[in-house]
PDB file of N, CA and C in Angstrom:
ATOM      1  N   MET A   1     -15.994   7.487  41.658  1.00  0.00           N
ATOM      2  CA  MET A   1     -14.831   6.781  41.235  1.00  0.00           C
ATOM      3  C   MET A   1     -13.794   7.869  40.903  1.00  0.00           C
ATOM      4  N   THR A   2     -12.459   7.257  41.983  1.00  0.00           N
ATOM      5  CA  THR A   2     -11.214   8.193  41.608  1.00  0.00           C
ATOM      6  C   THR A   2     -10.630   7.456  40.113  1.00  0.00           C
ATOM      7  N   GLN A   3      -9.732   8.316  39.863  1.00  0.00           N
ATOM      8  CA  GLN A   3      -8.927   8.430  38.635  1.00  0.00           C
ATOM      9  C   GLN A   3      -8.100   7.310  38.588  1.00  0.00           C
ATOM     10  N   GLU A   4      -7.815   6.761  40.281  1.00  0.00           N
ATOM     11  CA  GLU A   4      -7.270   5.221  39.963  1.00  0.00           C
ATOM     12  C   GLU A   4      -7.852   4.260  39.801  1.00  0.00           C
ATOM     13  N   GLU A   5      -9.179   4.180  40.467  1.00  0.00           N
ATOM     14  CA  GLU A   5     -10.212   3.080  39.657  1.00  0.00           C
ATOM     15  C   GLU A   5     -10.366   3.319  38.504  1.00  0.00           C
ATOM     16  N   LEU A   6     -10.365   4.087  37.901  1.00  0.00           N
ATOM     17  CA  LEU A   6     -10.477   4.708  36.574  1.00  0.00           C
ATOM     18  C   LEU A   6      -9.632   3.505  35.314  1.00  0.00           C
ATOM     19  N   ASP A   7      -8.463   4.312  35.764  1.00  0.00           N
ATOM     20  CA  ASP A   7      -6.719   3.719  35.007  1.00  0.00           C
ATOM     21  C   ASP A   7      -6.950   2.470  35.208  1.00  0.00           C
ATOM     22  N   THR A   8      -7.558   1.472  36.321  1.00  0.00           N
ATOM     23  CA  THR A   8      -7.595   0.070  36.525  1.00  0.00           C
ATOM     24  C   THR A   8      -8.355  -0.796  35.508  1.00  0.00           C
ATOM     25  N   ILE A   9      -9.811   0.146  35.168  1.00  0.00           N
ATOM     26  CA  ILE A   9     -10.987  -0.946  34.736  1.00  0.00           C
ATOM     27  C   ILE A   9     -10.491  -0.517  33.351  1.00  0.00           C
ATOM     28  N   TRP A  10     -10.067   1.069  32.867  1.00  0.00           N
ATOM     29  CA  TRP A  10     -10.144   1.512  31.317  1.00  0.00           C
ATOM     30  C   TRP A  10      -8.724   1.392  31.189  1.00  0.00           C
ATOM     31  N   LYS A  11      -7.465  -0.163  31.482  1.00  0.00           N
ATOM     32  CA  LYS A  11      -6.581  -0.263  30.893  1.00  0.00           C
ATOM     33  C   LYS A  11      -6.366  -0.476  29.576  1.00  0.00           C
ATOM     34  N   ARG A  12      -5.340   0.413  28.872  1.00  0.00           N
ATOM     35  CA  ARG A  12      -4.931   0.288  27.359  1.00  0.00           C
ATOM     36  C   ARG A  12      -4.465  -1.269  27.031  1.00  0.00           C
ATOM     37  N   PRO A  13      -4.606  -1.708  26.081  1.00  0.00           N
ATOM     38  CA  PRO A  13      -4.307  -3.022  25.875  1.00  0.00           C
ATOM     39  C   PRO A  13      -2.791  -2.881  25.349  1.00  0.00           C
ATOM     40  N   GLU A  14      -1.897  -3.878  25.523  1.00  0.00           N
ATOM     41  CA  GLU A  14      -0.542  -3.753  25.569  1.00  0.00           C
ATOM     42  C   GLU A  14      -0.770  -4.035  23.849  1.00  0.00           C
ATOM     43  N   ARG A  15       0.829  -3.406  23.250  1.00  0.00           N
ATOM     44  CA  ARG A  15       0.463  -3.583  21.421  1.00  0.00           C
ATOM     45  C   ARG A  15       0.863  -5.036  21.064  1.00  0.00           C
ATOM     46  N   GLN A  16       0.313  -5.685  20.425  1.00  0.00           N
ATOM     47  CA  GLN A  16       0.338  -6.663  20.199  1.00  0.00           C
ATOM     48  C   GLN A  16       1.062  -6.855  18.494  1.00  0.00           C
ATOM     49  N   HIS A  17       0.865  -6.004  17.998  1.00  0.00           N
ATOM     50  CA  HIS A  17       1.675  -5.771  16.224  1.00  0.00           C
ATOM     51  C   HIS A  17       3.441  -5.820  16.815  1.00  0.00           C
ATOM     52  N   ARG A  18       4.186  -6.292  16.046  1.00  0.00           N
ATOM     53  CA  ARG A  18       5.734  -5.979  16.199  1.00  0.00           C
ATOM     54  C   ARG A  18       5.859  -5.669  14.672  1.00  0.00           C
ATOM     55  N   ARG A  19       6.616  -5.252  14.347  1.00  0.00           N
ATOM     56  CA  ARG A  19       7.648  -5.173  12.707  1.00  0.00           C
ATOM     57  C   ARG A  19       8.252  -6.464  12.529  1.00  0.00           C
ATOM     58  N   PRO A  20       7.851  -7.456  11.674  1.00  0.00           N
ATOM     59  CA  PRO A  20       8.877  -8.241  11.547  1.00  0.00           C
ATOM     60  C   PRO A  20       9.852  -7.752  10.966  1.00  0.00           C
ATOM     61  N   ASP A  21      11.129  -8.779  11.085  1.00  0.00           N
ATOM     62  CA  ASP A  21      12.500  -8.447  10.765  1.00  0.00           C
ATOM     63  C   ASP A  21      13.028  -9.203   9.692  1.00  0.00           C
ATOM     64  N   ASN A  22      12.062  -9.536   8.498  1.00  0.00           N
ATOM     65  CA  ASN A  22      12.985  -9.999   7.727  1.00  0.00           C
ATOM     66  C   ASN A  22      12.713  -9.446   6.385  1.00  0.00           C
ATOM     67  N   LYS A  23      13.358 -10.021   5.410  1.00  0.00           N
ATOM     68  CA  LYS A  23      13.892  -9.212   4.044  1.00  0.00           C
ATOM     69  C   LYS A  23      12.372  -8.853   3.160  1.00  0.00           C
ATOM     70  N   MET A  24      11.264 -10.007   3.414  1.00  0.00           N
ATOM     71  CA  MET A  24      10.358 -10.042   2.938  1.00  0.00           C
ATOM     72  C   MET A  24       9.342  -8.374   2.898  1.00  0.00           C
ATOM     73  N   PHE A  25       9.196  -8.498   4.180  1.00  0.00           N
ATOM     74  CA  PHE A  25       8.620  -7.386   4.846  1.00  0.00           C
ATOM     75  C   PHE A  25       9.484  -5.930   4.270  1.00  0.00           C
ATOM     76  N   MET A  26      10.787  -5.507   3.613  1.00  0.00           N
ATOM     77  CA  MET A  26      11.117  -4.790   3.062  1.00  0.00           C
ATOM     78  C   MET A  26      10.535  -4.446   1.748  1.00  0.00           C
ATOM     79  N   VAL A  27      10.775  -5.847   1.283  1.00  0.00           N
ATOM     80  CA  VAL A  27      10.636  -5.773  -0.578  1.00  0.00           C
ATOM     81  C   VAL A  27       8.849  -5.680  -0.377  1.00  0.00           C
ATOM     82  N   ARG A  28       8.502  -5.710   0.602  1.00  0.00           N
ATOM     83  CA  ARG A  28       6.302  -5.510   0.297  1.00  0.00           C
ATOM     84  C   ARG A  28       6.138  -4.322   0.317  1.00  0.00           C
ATOM     85  N   ASN A  29       7.184  -3.728   1.469  1.00  0.00           N
ATOM     86  CA  ASN A  29       6.993  -2.000   1.765  1.00  0.00           C
ATOM     87  C   ASN A  29       7.663  -1.221   0.368  1.00  0.00           C
ATOM     88  N   VAL A  30       7.978  -1.629  -0.132  1.00  0.00           N
ATOM     89  CA  VAL A  30       9.264  -1.014  -1.722  1.00  0.00           C
ATOM     90  C   VAL A  30       8.121  -1.556  -2.610  1.00  0.00           C
ATOM     91  N   LEU A  31       7.229  -2.489  -2.658  1.00  0.00           N
ATOM     92  CA  LEU A  31       6.419  -2.816  -3.848  1.00  0.00           C
ATOM     93  C   LEU A  31       5.217  -1.718  -3.791  1.00  0.00           C
ATOM     94  N   ASN A  32       4.601  -1.815  -2.079  1.00  0.00           N
ATOM     95  CA  ASN A  32       3.458  -0.686  -1.672  1.00  0.00           C
ATOM     96  C   ASN A  32       3.875   0.226  -2.125  1.00  0.00           C
ATOM     97  N   ILE A  33       5.525   0.931  -1.796  1.00  0.00           N
ATOM     98  CA  ILE A  33       5.543   1.971  -2.100  1.00  0.00           C
ATOM     99  C   ILE A  33       5.323   2.684  -3.387  1.00  0.00           C
ATOM    100  N   VAL A  34       5.666   1.998  -4.466  1.00  0.00           N
ATOM    101  CA  VAL A  34       5.797   1.830  -6.086  1.00  0.00           C
ATOM    102  C   VAL A  34       4.495   1.875  -6.452  1.00  0.00           C
ATOM    103  N   PHE A  35       3.802   0.829  -5.416  1.00  0.00           N
ATOM    104  CA  PHE A  35       2.132   1.200  -6.080  1.00  0.00           C
ATOM    105  C   PHE A  35       1.376   2.380  -5.638  1.00  0.00           C
ATOM    106  N   MET A  36       1.638   2.966  -4.591  1.00  0.00           N
ATOM    107  CA  MET A  36       0.587   4.147  -4.380  1.00  0.00           C
ATOM    108  C   MET A  36       1.662   5.237  -4.874  1.00  0.00           C
ATOM    109  N   LEU A  37       2.923   5.066  -5.373  1.00  0.00           N
ATOM    110  CA  LEU A  37       3.663   6.007  -6.437  1.00  0.00           C
ATOM    111  C   LEU A  37       2.647   6.572  -7.730  1.00  0.00           C
ATOM    112  N   SER A  38       2.237   4.828  -8.441  1.00  0.00           N
ATOM    113  CA  SER A  38       2.150   4.761 -10.038  1.00  0.00           C
ATOM    114  C   SER A  38       0.536   5.014 -10.010  1.00  0.00           C
ATOM    115  N   VAL A  39      -0.116   4.939  -8.451  1.00  0.00           N
ATOM    116  CA  VAL A  39      -1.626   5.397  -8.835  1.00  0.00           C
ATOM    117  C   VAL A  39      -1.665   6.634  -8.865  1.00  0.00           C
ATOM    118  N   VAL A  40      -1.011   7.458  -8.148  1.00  0.00           N
ATOM    119  CA  VAL A  40      -0.299   9.124  -7.980  1.00  0.00           C
ATOM    120  C   VAL A  40      -0.581   9.541  -9.259  1.00  0.00           C
ATOM    121  N   GLY A  41       0.582   8.828  -9.795  1.00  0.00           N
ATOM    122  CA  GLY A  41       1.460   9.317 -11.194  1.00  0.00           C
ATOM    123  C   GLY A  41       0.052   9.082 -12.343  1.00  0.00           C
ATOM    124  N   ALA A  42      -0.573   7.867 -12.448  1.00  0.00           N
ATOM    125  CA  ALA A  42      -1.647   7.777 -13.184  1.00  0.00           C
ATOM    126  C   ALA A  42      -2.724   8.780 -12.721  1.00  0.00           C
ATOM    127  N   ILE A  43      -3.286   8.859 -11.792  1.00  0.00           N
ATOM    128  CA  ILE A  43      -4.198  10.081 -11.634  1.00  0.00           C
ATOM    129  C   ILE A  43      -3.684  11.720 -12.416  1.00  0.00           C
ATOM    130  N   ALA A  44      -2.308  11.970 -12.109  1.00  0.00           N
ATOM    131  CA  ALA A  44      -1.612  13.001 -12.415  1.00  0.00           C
ATOM    132  C   ALA A  44      -2.249  12.916 -13.880  1.00  0.00           C
ATOM    133  N   LEU A  45      -1.480  11.879 -14.590  1.00  0.00           N
ATOM    134  CA  LEU A  45      -1.590  11.955 -16.111  1.00  0.00           C
ATOM    135  C   LEU A  45      -2.936  11.740 -16.785  1.00  0.00           C
ATOM    136  N   TYR A  46      -3.913  11.215 -15.859  1.00  0.00           N
ATOM    137  CA  TYR A  46      -5.363  11.576 -16.201  1.00  0.00           C
ATOM    138  C   TYR A  46      -5.671  13.029 -16.008  1.00  0.00           C
ATOM    139  N   MET A  47      -5.382  13.698 -15.079  1.00  0.00           N
ATOM    140  CA  MET A  47      -5.755  15.218 -15.164  1.00  0.00           C
ATOM    141  C   MET A  47      -5.042  16.220 -15.983  1.00  0.00           C
ATOM    142  N   THR A  48      -4.122  15.602 -16.330  1.00  0.00           N
ATOM    143  CA  THR A  48      -3.137  16.887 -17.143  1.00  0.00           C
ATOM    144  C   THR A  48      -2.845  16.372 -18.605  1.00  0.00           C
ATOM    145  N   THR A  49      -2.816  15.617 -19.120  1.00  0.00           N
ATOM    146  CA  THR A  49      -2.528  15.155 -20.181  1.00  0.00           C
ATOM    147  C   THR A  49      -3.634  14.740 -21.135  1.00  0.00           C
ATOM    148  N   PRO A  50      -4.033  15.472 -22.077  1.00  0.00           N
ATOM    149  CA  PRO A  50      -4.865  14.954 -23.226  1.00  0.00           C
ATOM    150  C   PRO A  50      -5.111  13.279 -23.738  1.00  0.00           C
ATOM    151  N   ALA A  51      -5.450  12.849 -24.547  1.00  0.00           N
ATOM    152  CA  ALA A  51      -5.434  11.150 -24.991  1.00  0.00           C
ATOM    153  C   ALA A  51      -4.617  11.073 -25.390  1.00  0.00           C
ATOM    154  N   THR A  52      -3.438  10.719 -24.608  1.00  0.00           N
ATOM    155  CA  THR A  52      -1.985  10.216 -25.020  1.00  0.00           C
ATOM    156  C   THR A  52      -2.139   9.126 -24.971  1.00  0.00           C
ATOM    157  N   LEU A  53      -1.956   8.249 -26.575  1.00  0.00           N
ATOM    158  CA  LEU A  53      -2.296   6.870 -26.636  1.00  0.00           C
ATOM    159  C   LEU A  53      -0.240   6.602 -26.631  1.00  0.00           C
ATOM    160  N   LEU A  54      -0.736   5.384 -25.733  1.00  0.00           N
ATOM    161  CA  LEU A  54       1.003   4.263 -26.188  1.00  0.00           C
ATOM    162  C   LEU A  54       0.761   3.016 -26.343  1.00  0.00           C
ATOM    163  N   PHE A  55       0.703   2.541 -27.777  1.00  0.00           N
ATOM    164  CA  PHE A  55       0.306   1.024 -28.006  1.00  0.00           C
ATOM    165  C   PHE A  55      -1.628   1.063 -27.980  1.00  0.00           C
ATOM    166  N   GLY A  56      -2.391   1.935 -28.910  1.00  0.00           N
ATOM    167  CA  GLY A  56      -3.653   1.986 -28.711  1.00  0.00           C
ATOM    168  C   GLY A  56      -4.233   2.474 -27.337  1.00  0.00           C
ATOM    169  N   TYR A  57      -3.707   2.454 -26.210  1.00  0.00           N
ATOM    170  CA  TYR A  57      -4.465   2.669 -25.144  1.00  0.00           C
ATOM    171  C   TYR A  57      -3.727   3.972 -24.509  1.00  0.00           C
ATOM    172  N   PRO A  58      -4.986   4.661 -23.549  1.00  0.00           N
ATOM    173  CA  PRO A  58      -4.375   5.896 -23.027  1.00  0.00           C
ATOM    174  C   PRO A  58      -3.381   5.507 -21.827  1.00  0.00           C
ATOM    175  N   LEU A  59      -2.333   6.213 -22.032  1.00  0.00           N
ATOM    176  CA  LEU A  59      -1.154   5.892 -21.058  1.00  0.00           C
ATOM    177  C   LEU A  59      -1.144   6.115 -19.652  1.00  0.00           C
ATOM    178  N   TRP A  60      -2.347   6.362 -19.317  1.00  0.00           N
ATOM    179  CA  TRP A  60      -2.658   6.816 -17.991  1.00  0.00           C
ATOM    180  C   TRP A  60      -3.378   5.058 -17.420  1.00  0.00           C
ATOM    181  N   GLY A  61      -4.249   4.531 -18.412  1.00  0.00           N
ATOM    182  CA  GLY A  61      -4.737   3.434 -18.136  1.00  0.00           C
ATOM    183  C   GLY A  61      -3.385   1.955 -17.978  1.00  0.00           C
ATOM    184  N   LEU A  62      -2.496   2.181 -18.493  1.00  0.00           N
ATOM    185  CA  LEU A  62      -1.546   1.610 -18.822  1.00  0.00           C
ATOM    186  C   LEU A  62      -0.359   1.748 -17.335  1.00  0.00           C
ATOM    187  N   VAL A  63      -0.203   2.953 -17.158  1.00  0.00           N
ATOM    188  CA  VAL A  63       0.227   3.302 -15.532  1.00  0.00           C
ATOM    189  C   VAL A  63      -0.887   2.568 -14.142  1.00  0.00           C
ATOM    190  N   VAL A  64      -1.845   2.807 -14.557  1.00  0.00           N
ATOM    191  CA  VAL A  64      -3.166   1.698 -13.729  1.00  0.00           C
ATOM    192  C   VAL A  64      -2.909   0.742 -13.805  1.00  0.00           C
ATOM    193  N   GLY A  65      -2.812  -0.223 -15.124  1.00  0.00           N
ATOM    194  CA  GLY A  65      -2.168  -1.727 -15.222  1.00  0.00           C
ATOM    195  C   GLY A  65      -0.828  -2.137 -14.396  1.00  0.00           C
ATOM    196  N   LEU A  66      -0.286  -1.208 -14.782  1.00  0.00           N
ATOM    197  CA  LEU A  66       1.054  -1.791 -13.919  1.00  0.00           C
ATOM    198  C   LEU A  66       1.161  -1.420 -12.219  1.00  0.00           C
ATOM    199  N   ALA A  67       0.573  -0.693 -11.982  1.00  0.00           N
ATOM    200  CA  ALA A  67       0.165  -0.546 -10.232  1.00  0.00           C
ATOM    201  C   ALA A  67      -0.771  -1.552 -10.193  1.00  0.00           C
ATOM    202  N   ILE A  68      -1.572  -2.281 -10.808  1.00  0.00           N
ATOM    203  CA  ILE A  68      -2.438  -3.404 -10.359  1.00  0.00           C
ATOM    204  C   ILE A  68      -1.534  -4.582 -10.569  1.00  0.00           C
ATOM    205  N   ILE A  69      -0.844  -4.846 -11.371  1.00  0.00           N
ATOM    206  CA  ILE A  69       0.303  -5.809 -11.523  1.00  0.00           C
ATOM    207  C   ILE A  69       1.204  -5.547 -10.184  1.00  0.00           C
ATOM    208  N   ILE A  70       1.753  -4.551  -9.988  1.00  0.00           N
ATOM    209  CA  ILE A  70       2.328  -4.383  -8.647  1.00  0.00           C
ATOM    210  C   ILE A  70       1.860  -4.946  -7.478  1.00  0.00           C
ATOM    211  N   LYS A  71       0.989  -4.532  -7.314  1.00  0.00           N
ATOM    212  CA  LYS A  71      -0.203  -4.716  -6.389  1.00  0.00           C
ATOM    213  C   LYS A  71      -0.632  -6.233  -6.243  1.00  0.00           C
ATOM    214  N   THR A  72      -0.602  -6.949  -7.083  1.00  0.00           N
ATOM    215  CA  THR A  72      -1.035  -8.386  -7.170  1.00  0.00           C
ATOM    216  C   THR A  72       0.229  -9.002  -6.767  1.00  0.00           C
ATOM    217  N   ILE A  73       1.173  -8.415  -7.224  1.00  0.00           N
ATOM    218  CA  ILE A  73       2.768  -9.294  -6.848  1.00  0.00           C
ATOM    219  C   ILE A  73       2.920  -9.108  -5.058  1.00  0.00           C
ATOM    220  N   GLU A  74       2.583  -8.372  -4.803  1.00  0.00           N
ATOM    221  CA  GLU A  74       2.958  -7.606  -3.608  1.00  0.00           C
ATOM    222  C   GLU A  74       1.889  -8.793  -2.241  1.00  0.00           C
ATOM    223  N   VAL A  75       0.693  -8.838  -2.974  1.00  0.00           N
ATOM    224  CA  VAL A  75      -0.330  -9.429  -2.352  1.00  0.00           C
ATOM    225  C   VAL A  75      -0.235 -11.300  -2.508  1.00  0.00           C
ATOM    226  N   SER A  76       0.628 -11.161  -3.469  1.00  0.00           N
ATOM    227  CA  SER A  76       1.006 -13.084  -3.034  1.00  0.00           C
ATOM    228  C   SER A  76       2.248 -12.940  -2.329  1.00  0.00           C
ATOM    229  N   LEU A  77       3.043 -12.177  -2.719  1.00  0.00           N
ATOM    230  CA  LEU A  77       4.084 -12.243  -1.677  1.00  0.00           C
ATOM    231  C   LEU A  77       3.893 -12.971  -0.247  1.00  0.00           C
ATOM    232  N   ARG A  78       2.576 -11.573   0.221  1.00  0.00           N
ATOM    233  CA  ARG A  78       2.305 -11.715   1.505  1.00  0.00           C
ATOM    234  C   ARG A  78       1.480 -13.208   2.024  1.00  0.00           C
ATOM    235  N   ILE A  79       0.889 -13.704   0.904  1.00  0.00           N
ATOM    236  CA  ILE A  79       0.124 -15.182   1.059  1.00  0.00           C
ATOM    237  C   ILE A  79       0.769 -16.124   1.073  1.00  0.00           C
ATOM    238  N   ILE A  80       2.011 -16.197   0.388  1.00  0.00           N
ATOM    239  CA  ILE A  80       3.143 -16.977   0.207  1.00  0.00           C
ATOM    240  C   ILE A  80       3.972 -16.767   1.337  1.00  0.00           C
ATOM    241  N   PHE A  81       4.913 -15.907   1.675  1.00  0.00           N
ATOM    242  CA  PHE A  81       5.563 -15.896   2.819  1.00  0.00           C
ATOM    243  C   PHE A  81       5.215 -15.753   4.190  1.00  0.00           C
ATOM    244  N   ARG A  82       3.701 -16.488   4.637  1.00  0.00           N
ATOM    245  CA  ARG A  82       3.052 -15.923   5.898  1.00  0.00           C
ATOM    246  C   ARG A  82       3.438 -16.071   7.236  1.00  0.00           C
TER     247      ARG A  82
END
């Protein structure tokens, strides 16, 4: 088989996803970035600080809780504004 025949058989599919141009997409991206940074911060707090308590809870646990709330908001926006 020649290369031309292989190229016609194994044609790459066209890219089907495109970036949405709405404002909600940008808001979701910002929320995702904040979520990822808070998770990394929580891991850093867990590894570096001793049992620092804030309101009776470990500080890293509160940061993880905040990250979960942020992610829940982002997923809700994704579902609502499909």
